[in-house]
Protein backbone atom coordinates (compact mmCIF):
# COMPACT_ATOMS: atom_id res chain seq x y z
CA MET A 1 59.57 4.28 -39.61
CA THR A 2 62.73 1.25 -38.47
CA THR A 3 63.60 3.48 -35.47
CA LEU A 4 60.09 3.22 -33.83
CA VAL A 5 60.85 -0.49 -34.60
CA TYR A 6 63.33 -0.32 -31.83
CA LEU A 7 61.93 2.27 -29.78
CA ILE A 8 58.45 0.92 -29.14
CA PRO A 9 59.73 -1.94 -27.46
CA VAL A 10 62.79 -0.85 -25.24
CA ALA A 11 59.84 1.79 -23.92
CA LEU A 12 57.10 -1.44 -23.17
CA PHE A 13 60.20 -3.28 -21.71
CA LEU A 14 61.56 0.03 -19.79
CA GLY A 15 57.91 0.68 -18.41
CA ALA A 16 57.37 -2.72 -18.13
CA LEU A 17 60.40 -2.84 -15.98
CA GLY A 18 58.93 0.58 -13.67
CA LEU A 19 55.41 -1.35 -12.86
CA SER A 20 57.52 -4.50 -11.65
CA GLY A 21 59.86 -2.44 -9.72
CA PHE A 22 57.05 -0.36 -7.89
CA LEU A 23 54.70 -3.67 -7.79
CA TRP A 24 57.63 -5.69 -6.25
CA ALA A 25 58.25 -2.59 -3.29
CA LEU A 26 54.60 -1.94 -2.57
CA ARG A 27 54.75 -6.28 -1.90
CA SER A 28 57.56 -6.23 0.39
CA GLY A 29 55.93 -3.57 2.40
CA GLN A 30 58.36 -0.67 1.63
CA TYR A 31 55.16 1.89 1.94
CA GLU A 32 54.01 0.32 5.21
CA ASP A 33 55.14 3.23 7.82
CA LEU A 34 55.64 6.64 5.91
CA ASP A 35 55.46 8.76 8.65
CA GLY A 36 58.25 6.39 10.79
CA ALA A 37 61.31 7.59 9.35
CA ALA A 38 59.94 11.03 9.54
CA GLU A 39 59.61 11.52 12.92
CA ARG A 40 61.90 8.80 13.67
CA ILE A 41 64.90 11.80 12.71
CA LEU A 42 63.41 13.74 15.90
CA ILE A 43 63.52 11.34 18.35
CA GLU A 44 66.96 11.81 20.26
CA PRO A 45 69.03 8.99 20.67
CA ASP A 46 69.10 8.80 24.61
CA ALA A 47 65.32 8.41 24.10
CA ARG A 48 65.40 5.75 22.64
CA ASP A 49 67.11 3.36 25.24
CA ASN A 50 64.37 3.80 27.61
């Protein structure tokens, strides 16, 4: 029973930390261009210079 006193706040803290990290990534635009990186790898370096 005493271990639950420690584990529940730690679990809540880690959940809040993960949620805040996700919200930060959402607000900073990390999910703006999902297809760009997938298509960028297909473009040859010489084709970008034109």
